[in-house]
C-alpha atoms as a PDB file:
ATOM      1  CA  MET A   1     -74.447  41.074   8.823  1.00  0.00           C
ATOM      2  CA  ARG A   2     -75.918  37.753   7.653  1.00  0.00           C
ATOM      3  CA  ASN A   3     -74.295  38.228   4.251  1.00  0.00           C
ATOM      4  CA  LEU A   4     -70.927  38.890   5.910  1.00  0.00           C
ATOM      5  CA  ILE A   5     -71.141  35.609   7.874  1.00  0.00           C
ATOM      6  CA  SER A   6     -72.079  33.706   4.728  1.00  0.00           C
ATOM      7  CA  PHE A   7     -69.127  35.234   2.905  1.00  0.00           C
ATOM      8  CA  ARG A   8     -66.707  34.230   5.694  1.00  0.00           C
ATOM      9  CA  THR A   9     -68.102  30.702   5.707  1.00  0.00           C
ATOM     10  CA  ALA A  10     -67.584  30.420   1.971  1.00  0.00           C
ATOM     11  CA  VAL A  11     -63.983  31.620   2.305  1.00  0.00           C
ATOM     12  CA  LEU A  12     -63.319  29.061   5.070  1.00  0.00           C
ATOM     13  CA  LEU A  13     -64.741  26.199   3.010  1.00  0.00           C
ATOM     14  CA  LEU A  14     -62.673  27.293   0.029  1.00  0.00           C
ATOM     15  CA  ALA A  15     -59.505  27.311   2.150  1.00  0.00           C
ATOM     16  CA  MET A  16     -60.253  23.844   3.478  1.00  0.00           C
ATOM     17  CA  ALA A  17     -60.751  22.555  -0.049  1.00  0.00           C
ATOM     18  CA  CYS A  18     -57.427  24.027  -1.119  1.00  0.00           C
ATOM     19  CA  ALA A  19     -55.674  22.345   1.844  1.00  0.00           C
ATOM     20  CA  ASP A  20     -56.933  18.929   0.656  1.00  0.00           C
ATOM     21  CA  PRO A  21     -56.423  18.932  -3.091  1.00  0.00           C
ATOM     22  CA  ALA A  22     -57.474  15.279  -3.325  1.00  0.00           C
ATOM     23  CA  GLY A  23     -60.893  16.126  -1.982  1.00  0.00           C
ATOM     24  CA  PRO A  24     -63.093  13.836   0.027  1.00  0.00           C
ATOM     25  CA  ASP A  25     -64.234  11.849  -3.014  1.00  0.00           C
ATOM     26  CA  VAL A  26     -60.791  10.901  -4.353  1.00  0.00           C
ATOM     27  CA  PRO A  27     -59.804   7.385  -3.061  1.00  0.00           C
ATOM     28  CA  LEU A  28     -56.440   6.801  -1.401  1.00  0.00           C
ATOM     29  CA  VAL A  29     -53.831   4.903  -3.422  1.00  0.00           C
ATOM     30  CA  VAL A  30     -51.820   2.069  -1.837  1.00  0.00           C
ATOM     31  CA  ASP A  31     -48.160   3.069  -1.695  1.00  0.00           C
ATOM     32  CA  ARG A  32     -46.826   0.215   0.487  1.00  0.00           C
ATOM     33  CA  VAL A  33     -47.818  -2.706   2.668  1.00  0.00           C
ATOM     34  CA  GLU A  34     -46.686  -2.931   6.281  1.00  0.00           C
ATOM     35  CA  LEU A  35     -46.523  -6.254   8.143  1.00  0.00           C
ATOM     36  CA  SER A  36     -46.772  -6.745  11.874  1.00  0.00           C
ATOM     37  CA  SER A  37     -43.709  -9.014  11.611  1.00  0.00           C
ATOM     38  CA  THR A  38     -41.175  -9.562   8.838  1.00  0.00           C
ATOM     39  CA  SER A  39     -39.340 -12.433  10.509  1.00  0.00           C
ATOM     40  CA  LEU A  40     -40.738 -15.148  12.738  1.00  0.00           C
ATOM     41  CA  ALA A  41     -40.104 -18.709  13.879  1.00  0.00           C
ATOM     42  CA  VAL A  42     -42.742 -21.384  14.370  1.00  0.00           C
ATOM     43  CA  ALA A  43     -42.639 -25.067  15.204  1.00  0.00           C
ATOM     44  CA  PRO A  44     -44.081 -27.748  12.921  1.00  0.00           C
ATOM     45  CA  GLY A  45     -47.835 -27.743  13.454  1.00  0.00           C
ATOM     46  CA  ALA A  46     -47.814 -24.397  15.279  1.00  0.00           C
ATOM     47  CA  ALA A  47     -49.223 -21.134  13.922  1.00  0.00           C
ATOM     48  CA  GLN A  48     -48.870 -17.384  14.308  1.00  0.00           C
ATOM     49  CA  VAL A  49     -50.897 -14.565  12.750  1.00  0.00           C
ATOM     50  CA  ILE A  50     -49.332 -11.745  10.741  1.00  0.00           C
ATOM     51  CA  THR A  51     -51.354  -8.630   9.987  1.00  0.00           C
ATOM     52  CA  ALA A  52     -50.901  -6.590   6.818  1.00  0.00           C
ATOM     53  CA  THR A  53     -51.769  -2.886   6.614  1.00  0.00           C
ATOM     54  CA  PRO A  54     -51.988  -1.047   3.271  1.00  0.00           C
ATOM     55  CA  ARG A  55     -50.821   2.576   3.552  1.00  0.00           C
ATOM     56  CA  ALA A  56     -50.912   5.621   1.292  1.00  0.00           C
ATOM     57  CA  VAL A  57     -47.835   7.708   0.547  1.00  0.00           C
ATOM     58  CA  ASN A  58     -48.678   9.997   3.475  1.00  0.00           C
ATOM     59  CA  GLY A  59     -48.900   7.035   5.852  1.00  0.00           C
ATOM     60  CA  ALA A  60     -52.677   6.946   6.061  1.00  0.00           C
ATOM     61  CA  VAL A  61     -54.315   3.535   6.255  1.00  0.00           C
ATOM     62  CA  VAL A  62     -56.043   2.614   2.994  1.00  0.00           C
ATOM     63  CA  PRO A  63     -59.310   0.935   3.999  1.00  0.00           C
ATOM     64  CA  GLY A  64     -61.410  -1.601   2.162  1.00  0.00           C
ATOM     65  CA  ARG A  65     -58.627  -3.381   0.304  1.00  0.00           C
ATOM     66  CA  ALA A  66     -58.478  -7.164  -0.121  1.00  0.00           C
ATOM     67  CA  ILE A  67     -55.151  -8.720   0.915  1.00  0.00           C
ATOM     68  CA  MET A  68     -53.792 -11.731  -0.965  1.00  0.00           C
ATOM     69  CA  TRP A  69     -51.499 -14.050   1.026  1.00  0.00           C
ATOM     70  CA  THR A  70     -49.109 -16.536  -0.608  1.00  0.00           C
ATOM     71  CA  SER A  71     -46.235 -18.813   0.451  1.00  0.00           C
ATOM     72  CA  ASP A  72     -43.262 -19.707  -1.719  1.00  0.00           C
ATOM     73  CA  ALA A  73     -42.820 -23.071   0.050  1.00  0.00           C
ATOM     74  CA  ASN A  74     -46.105 -24.696   0.988  1.00  0.00           C
ATOM     75  CA  THR A  75     -44.331 -27.916   1.963  1.00  0.00           C
ATOM     76  CA  VAL A  76     -42.529 -25.922   4.694  1.00  0.00           C
ATOM     77  CA  VAL A  77     -44.947 -23.154   5.677  1.00  0.00           C
ATOM     78  CA  THR A  78     -48.506 -22.253   4.695  1.00  0.00           C
ATOM     79  CA  VAL A  79     -50.472 -19.045   5.128  1.00  0.00           C
ATOM     80  CA  SER A  80     -54.248 -18.602   5.200  1.00  0.00           C
ATOM     81  CA  ALA A  81     -56.393 -15.852   3.717  1.00  0.00           C
ATOM     82  CA  THR A  82     -56.371 -14.169   7.123  1.00  0.00           C
ATOM     83  CA  GLY A  83     -52.582 -14.202   7.549  1.00  0.00           C
ATOM     84  CA  GLU A  84     -52.312 -17.267   9.785  1.00  0.00           C
ATOM     85  CA  VAL A  85     -48.812 -18.700   9.229  1.00  0.00           C
ATOM     86  CA  ARG A  86     -48.460 -22.410  10.030  1.00  0.00           C
ATOM     87  CA  GLY A  87     -45.303 -24.536  10.118  1.00  0.00           C
ATOM     88  CA  VAL A  88     -45.413 -27.765   8.126  1.00  0.00           C
ATOM     89  CA  ALA A  89     -41.841 -29.092   8.060  1.00  0.00           C
ATOM     90  CA  LEU A  90     -38.425 -27.927   9.218  1.00  0.00           C
ATOM     91  CA  GLY A  91     -36.948 -25.342   6.882  1.00  0.00           C
ATOM     92  CA  MET A  92     -37.443 -21.769   5.718  1.00  0.00           C
ATOM     93  CA  GLY A  93     -40.089 -20.096   3.587  1.00  0.00           C
ATOM     94  CA  ILE A  94     -41.348 -16.659   2.607  1.00  0.00           C
ATOM     95  CA  VAL A  95     -44.946 -15.521   2.934  1.00  0.00           C
ATOM     96  CA  ARG A  96     -46.135 -12.505   0.960  1.00  0.00           C
ATOM     97  CA  ALA A  97     -49.015 -10.075   1.420  1.00  0.00           C
ATOM     98  CA  SER A  98     -50.103  -8.283  -1.771  1.00  0.00           C
ATOM     99  CA  VAL A  99     -52.503  -5.360  -2.158  1.00  0.00           C
ATOM    100  CA  ASP A 100     -53.162  -3.447  -5.411  1.00  0.00           C
ATOM    101  CA  GLY A 101     -49.818  -4.408  -6.905  1.00  0.00           C
ATOM    102  CA  LYS A 102     -47.833  -3.622  -3.739  1.00  0.00           C
ATOM    103  CA  SER A 103     -46.427  -6.371  -1.526  1.00  0.00           C
ATOM    104  CA  ALA A 104     -44.368  -7.135   1.567  1.00  0.00           C
ATOM    105  CA  ASN A 105     -42.545 -10.323   2.605  1.00  0.00           C
ATOM    106  CA  ALA A 106     -41.981 -12.121   5.897  1.00  0.00           C
ATOM    107  CA  THR A 107     -39.311 -14.774   6.368  1.00  0.00           C
ATOM    108  CA  VAL A 108     -40.556 -17.778   8.322  1.00  0.00           C
ATOM    109  CA  SER A 109     -38.245 -20.310   9.986  1.00  0.00           C
ATOM    110  CA  VAL A 110     -39.864 -23.599  10.942  1.00  0.00           C
ATOM    111  CA  ILE A 111     -37.717 -24.857  13.794  1.00  0.00           C
ATOM    112  CA  PRO A 112     -37.739 -27.830  16.160  1.00  0.00           C
ATOM    113  CA  THR A 113     -38.934 -26.999  19.646  1.00  0.00           C
ATOM    114  CA  ALA A 114     -39.342 -30.585  20.853  1.00  0.00           C
ATOM    115  CA  PRO A 115     -37.308 -33.788  20.307  1.00  0.00           C
ATOM    116  CA  GLN A 116     -40.007 -35.362  18.133  1.00  0.00           C
ATOM    117  CA  HIS A 117     -39.618 -32.549  15.600  1.00  0.00           C
ATOM    118  CA  LEU A 118     -36.183 -33.838  14.563  1.00  0.00           C
ATOM    119  CA  ALA A 119     -35.595 -36.459  11.937  1.00  0.00           C
ATOM    120  CA  ALA A 120     -34.955 -40.005  13.118  1.00  0.00           C
ATOM    121  CA  SER A 121     -31.498 -40.049  11.546  1.00  0.00           C
ATOM    122  CA  TRP A 122     -28.948 -37.719  10.048  1.00  0.00           C
ATOM    123  CA  ARG A 123     -25.987 -37.944   7.724  1.00  0.00           C
ATOM    124  CA  MET A 124     -22.413 -37.495   8.791  1.00  0.00           C
ATOM    125  CA  GLU A 125     -21.688 -33.866   7.954  1.00  0.00           C
ATOM    126  CA  SER A 126     -17.938 -34.391   7.669  1.00  0.00           C
ATOM    127  CA  PHE A 127     -18.409 -36.771   4.749  1.00  0.00           C
ATOM    128  CA  ASP A 128     -21.271 -35.112   2.866  1.00  0.00           C
ATOM    129  CA  GLY A 129     -20.709 -35.549  -0.838  1.00  0.00           C
ATOM    130  CA  HIS A 130     -17.946 -38.139  -0.334  1.00  0.00           C
ATOM    131  CA  ALA A 131     -18.269 -41.714  -1.464  1.00  0.00           C
ATOM    132  CA  LEU A 132     -17.726 -44.426   1.128  1.00  0.00           C
ATOM    133  CA  PRO A 133     -15.341 -45.846   2.089  1.00  0.00           C
ATOM    134  CA  ALA A 134     -13.659 -42.524   2.801  1.00  0.00           C
ATOM    135  CA  ALA A 135     -10.238 -41.962   4.361  1.00  0.00           C
ATOM    136  CA  TYR A 136     -10.226 -39.692   7.392  1.00  0.00           C
ATOM    137  CA  ALA A 137      -6.607 -40.165   8.480  1.00  0.00           C
ATOM    138  CA  ILE A 138      -3.435 -41.243   6.674  1.00  0.00           C
ATOM    139  CA  PHE A 139      -0.151 -41.633   8.547  1.00  0.00           C
ATOM    140  CA  TYR A 140       3.341 -42.301   7.206  1.00  0.00           C
ATOM    141  CA  ASP A 141       6.116 -44.095   9.122  1.00  0.00           C
ATOM    142  CA  GLU A 142       3.557 -44.963  11.768  1.00  0.00           C
ATOM    143  CA  PRO A 143       4.884 -47.122  14.638  1.00  0.00           C
ATOM    144  CA  VAL A 144       2.731 -50.180  15.295  1.00  0.00           C
ATOM    145  CA  GLY A 145       4.017 -52.298  18.165  1.00  0.00           C
ATOM    146  CA  ASP A 146       7.767 -52.790  17.758  1.00  0.00           C
ATOM    147  CA  ARG A 147       7.934 -52.010  14.060  1.00  0.00           C
ATOM    148  CA  ILE A 148       7.350 -49.109  11.657  1.00  0.00           C
ATOM    149  CA  ILE A 149       4.502 -49.283   9.160  1.00  0.00           C
ATOM    150  CA  ALA A 150       5.309 -47.175   6.127  1.00  0.00           C
ATOM    151  CA  LYS A 151       1.707 -46.125   5.635  1.00  0.00           C
ATOM    152  CA  VAL A 152      -1.400 -46.479   7.776  1.00  0.00           C
ATOM    153  CA  GLU A 153      -4.786 -45.378   6.463  1.00  0.00           C
ATOM    154  CA  ILE A 154      -7.900 -45.279   8.632  1.00  0.00           C
ATOM    155  CA  ARG A 155     -10.942 -45.477   6.432  1.00  0.00           C
ATOM    156  CA  LEU A 156     -14.599 -44.850   7.248  1.00  0.00           C
ATOM    157  CA  ASP A 157     -16.731 -47.699   5.929  1.00  0.00           C
ATOM    158  CA  SER A 158     -20.140 -46.582   7.194  1.00  0.00           C
ATOM    159  CA  ALA A 159     -21.850 -44.525   9.853  1.00  0.00           C
ATOM    160  CA  THR A 160     -25.284 -44.563  11.448  1.00  0.00           C
ATOM    161  CA  LYS A 161     -26.933 -42.038  13.723  1.00  0.00           C
ATOM    162  CA  ALA A 162     -30.405 -42.064  15.202  1.00  0.00           C
ATOM    163  CA  MET A 163     -32.504 -39.826  17.420  1.00  0.00           C
ATOM    164  CA  THR A 164     -35.784 -40.455  19.220  1.00  0.00           C
ATOM    165  CA  GLY A 165     -38.745 -38.403  20.301  1.00  0.00           C
ATOM    166  CA  THR A 166     -37.711 -38.925  23.905  1.00  0.00           C
ATOM    167  CA  ALA A 167     -34.477 -36.915  23.411  1.00  0.00           C
ATOM    168  CA  THR A 168     -32.062 -39.835  23.181  1.00  0.00           C
ATOM    169  CA  TYR A 169     -29.509 -40.518  20.454  1.00  0.00           C
ATOM    170  CA  ASP A 170     -27.274 -43.343  19.305  1.00  0.00           C
ATOM    171  CA  ARG A 171     -24.419 -43.256  16.782  1.00  0.00           C
ATOM    172  CA  ARG A 172     -21.972 -45.806  15.405  1.00  0.00           C
ATOM    173  CA  TYR A 173     -18.982 -45.570  13.039  1.00  0.00           C
ATOM    174  CA  TRP A 174     -17.241 -48.510  11.327  1.00  0.00           C
ATOM    175  CA  PHE A 175     -13.638 -48.168  10.151  1.00  0.00           C
ATOM    176  CA  THR A 176     -10.966 -50.236   8.401  1.00  0.00           C
ATOM    177  CA  GLU A 177      -7.286 -49.760   9.139  1.00  0.00           C
ATOM    178  CA  LEU A 178      -4.992 -50.480   6.196  1.00  0.00           C
ATOM    179  CA  HIS A 179      -1.251 -51.137   6.494  1.00  0.00           C
ATOM    180  CA  ASP A 180       0.524 -50.346   3.231  1.00  0.00           C
ATOM    181  CA  ASP A 181      -2.891 -50.477   1.488  1.00  0.00           C
ATOM    182  CA  VAL A 182      -3.652 -53.914   2.924  1.00  0.00           C
ATOM    183  CA  PRO A 183      -6.688 -54.130   5.263  1.00  0.00           C
ATOM    184  CA  ALA A 184      -5.427 -55.196   8.674  1.00  0.00           C
ATOM    185  CA  TRP A 185      -7.944 -54.191  11.357  1.00  0.00           C
ATOM    186  CA  LYS A 186     -11.616 -53.339  11.750  1.00  0.00           C
ATOM    187  CA  TYR A 187     -12.841 -50.686  14.191  1.00  0.00           C
ATOM    188  CA  MET A 188     -16.190 -49.793  15.622  1.00  0.00           C
ATOM    189  CA  TRP A 189     -16.709 -46.589  17.597  1.00  0.00           C
ATOM    190  CA  GLY A 190     -19.875 -45.053  18.944  1.00  0.00           C
ATOM    191  CA  ASP A 191     -21.718 -43.509  21.821  1.00  0.00           C
ATOM    192  CA  ARG A 192     -25.226 -42.960  23.047  1.00  0.00           C
ATOM    193  CA  GLY A 193     -26.853 -40.431  25.324  1.00  0.00           C
ATOM    194  CA  ARG A 194     -29.283 -37.541  25.445  1.00  0.00           C
ATOM    195  CA  PHE A 195     -29.701 -34.327  23.481  1.00  0.00           C
ATOM    196  CA  VAL A 196     -31.044 -30.876  24.298  1.00  0.00           C
ATOM    197  CA  LEU A 197     -32.472 -28.264  21.920  1.00  0.00           C
ATOM    198  CA  GLY A 198     -32.000 -24.518  22.333  1.00  0.00           C
ATOM    199  CA  GLY A 199     -34.484 -21.828  21.383  1.00  0.00           C
ATOM    200  CA  ASN A 200     -32.512 -19.586  19.034  1.00  0.00           C
ATOM    201  CA  VAL A 201     -32.280 -19.511  15.232  1.00  0.00           C
ATOM    202  CA  PRO A 202     -30.321 -21.440  14.068  1.00  0.00           C
ATOM    203  CA  VAL A 203     -31.319 -23.887  16.783  1.00  0.00           C
ATOM    204  CA  PRO A 204     -28.379 -25.000  18.961  1.00  0.00           C
ATOM    205  CA  LEU A 205     -28.102 -28.684  19.767  1.00  0.00           C
ATOM    206  CA  THR A 206     -26.079 -30.381  22.501  1.00  0.00           C
ATOM    207  CA  LEU A 207     -25.444 -34.124  22.738  1.00  0.00           C
ATOM    208  CA  THR A 208     -24.220 -35.473  26.080  1.00  0.00           C
ATOM    209  CA  SER A 209     -22.948 -39.031  26.088  1.00  0.00           C
ATOM    210  CA  GLU A 210     -24.135 -41.406  28.781  1.00  0.00           C
ATOM    211  CA  TYR A 211     -21.657 -43.976  27.499  1.00  0.00           C
ATOM    212  CA  ILE A 212     -18.406 -41.985  27.411  1.00  0.00           C
ATOM    213  CA  GLU A 213     -17.528 -39.807  30.386  1.00  0.00           C
ATOM    214  CA  ASN A 214     -17.243 -36.052  29.730  1.00  0.00           C
ATOM    215  CA  LEU A 215     -18.146 -36.377  26.040  1.00  0.00           C
ATOM    216  CA  VAL A 216     -20.320 -33.449  24.943  1.00  0.00           C
ATOM    217  CA  THR A 217     -20.906 -32.586  21.282  1.00  0.00           C
ATOM    218  CA  GLY A 218     -22.245 -29.238  20.128  1.00  0.00           C
ATOM    219  CA  GLY A 219     -23.995 -28.437  16.880  1.00  0.00           C
ATOM    220  CA  THR A 220     -26.944 -26.725  15.235  1.00  0.00           C
ATOM    221  CA  VAL A 221     -30.107 -27.594  13.366  1.00  0.00           C
ATOM    222  CA  ARG A 222     -29.662 -26.039   9.940  1.00  0.00           C
ATOM    223  CA  SER A 223     -32.360 -24.139   8.098  1.00  0.00           C
ATOM    224  CA  ASP A 224     -33.131 -27.201   5.961  1.00  0.00           C
ATOM    225  CA  GLY A 225     -33.736 -29.270   9.090  1.00  0.00           C
ATOM    226  CA  ARG A 226     -30.508 -31.251   8.960  1.00  0.00           C
ATOM    227  CA  LEU A 227     -28.130 -31.524  11.875  1.00  0.00           C
ATOM    228  CA  ALA A 228     -24.644 -30.056  11.706  1.00  0.00           C
ATOM    229  CA  LEU A 229     -22.428 -31.511  14.432  1.00  0.00           C
ATOM    230  CA  ASP A 230     -18.856 -30.933  15.498  1.00  0.00           C
ATOM    231  CA  GLU A 231     -17.339 -34.252  14.398  1.00  0.00           C
ATOM    232  CA  GLU A 232     -13.921 -33.656  15.960  1.00  0.00           C
ATOM    233  CA  LEU A 233     -14.797 -36.106  18.696  1.00  0.00           C
ATOM    234  CA  TRP A 234     -13.957 -39.093  16.491  1.00  0.00           C
ATOM    235  CA  ILE A 235     -11.308 -37.494  14.246  1.00  0.00           C
ATOM    236  CA  GLY A 236      -8.990 -37.427  17.281  1.00  0.00           C
ATOM    237  CA  GLU A 237      -9.872 -40.917  18.463  1.00  0.00           C
ATOM    238  CA  ALA A 238      -6.244 -41.883  19.125  1.00  0.00           C
ATOM    239  CA  ARG A 239      -6.868 -40.293  22.527  1.00  0.00           C
ATOM    240  CA  ARG A 240      -9.643 -42.787  23.208  1.00  0.00           C
ATOM    241  CA  ALA A 241      -8.106 -45.884  21.671  1.00  0.00           C
ATOM    242  CA  THR A 242      -9.266 -48.090  24.543  1.00  0.00           C
ATOM    243  CA  LEU A 243     -12.882 -47.374  23.565  1.00  0.00           C
ATOM    244  CA  TRP A 244     -12.469 -48.916  20.147  1.00  0.00           C
ATOM    245  CA  VAL A 245     -13.384 -52.474  19.319  1.00  0.00           C
ATOM    246  CA  ARG A 246     -10.447 -53.646  17.218  1.00  0.00           C
ATOM    247  CA  ARG A 247     -10.263 -56.989  15.451  1.00  0.00           C
ATOM    248  CA  PRO A 248      -8.176 -58.405  12.591  1.00  0.00           C
ATOM    249  CA  VAL A 249      -9.572 -58.430   9.065  1.00  0.00           C
ATOM    250  CA  LEU A 250     -10.334 -62.034   8.142  1.00  0.00           C
END
């Protein structure tokens, strides 16, 4: 009877060994790396932790493996040896976790969550890449007073915009009006008010003028940290002509 039990035990152990061909002494091989998050947003100076889990082809966790963390844009986002992701400057970066030749990436957006995170000034999106002075409107057979001007060109000479850490903004545009290519008038247009940041990516931005009634400008904070605004508000300024400061060119 004792021999029969021993024989059955041996058969059972043999079957168990056949069911696990790798055997208990064969180490698991890393097939992939799983991250707790593959896309996240942080503010400048803020941090979040990402965990990386090496897994075998059957999904089992592979223990005892060292994880190497790297960032492709350390001026935008850094990552520590423990997976702590920290925002440095507005923009986008990719952090990578690598284990035994396998890796996984997470896209990190560093976004403004407070007014002080925005730059103090921004360029005029409508004229990016254009040399100043730049024409924004040219009219032909334009009536001026009681006569017809064959050609009127309104030209942007310069523009300034500024924002503060207390959520206020100020912007000014300077124009020259030319009659038949001869400078005739100078214009200045601008407004000031407050801005509000949203919480999505890309970050929505709303400017509400405290200087011009019912003037609200929408826009976004781009991934490189620059502001993209709807500039239509001044392109159609004929509707607000009384707000311009117009003087002859001396």
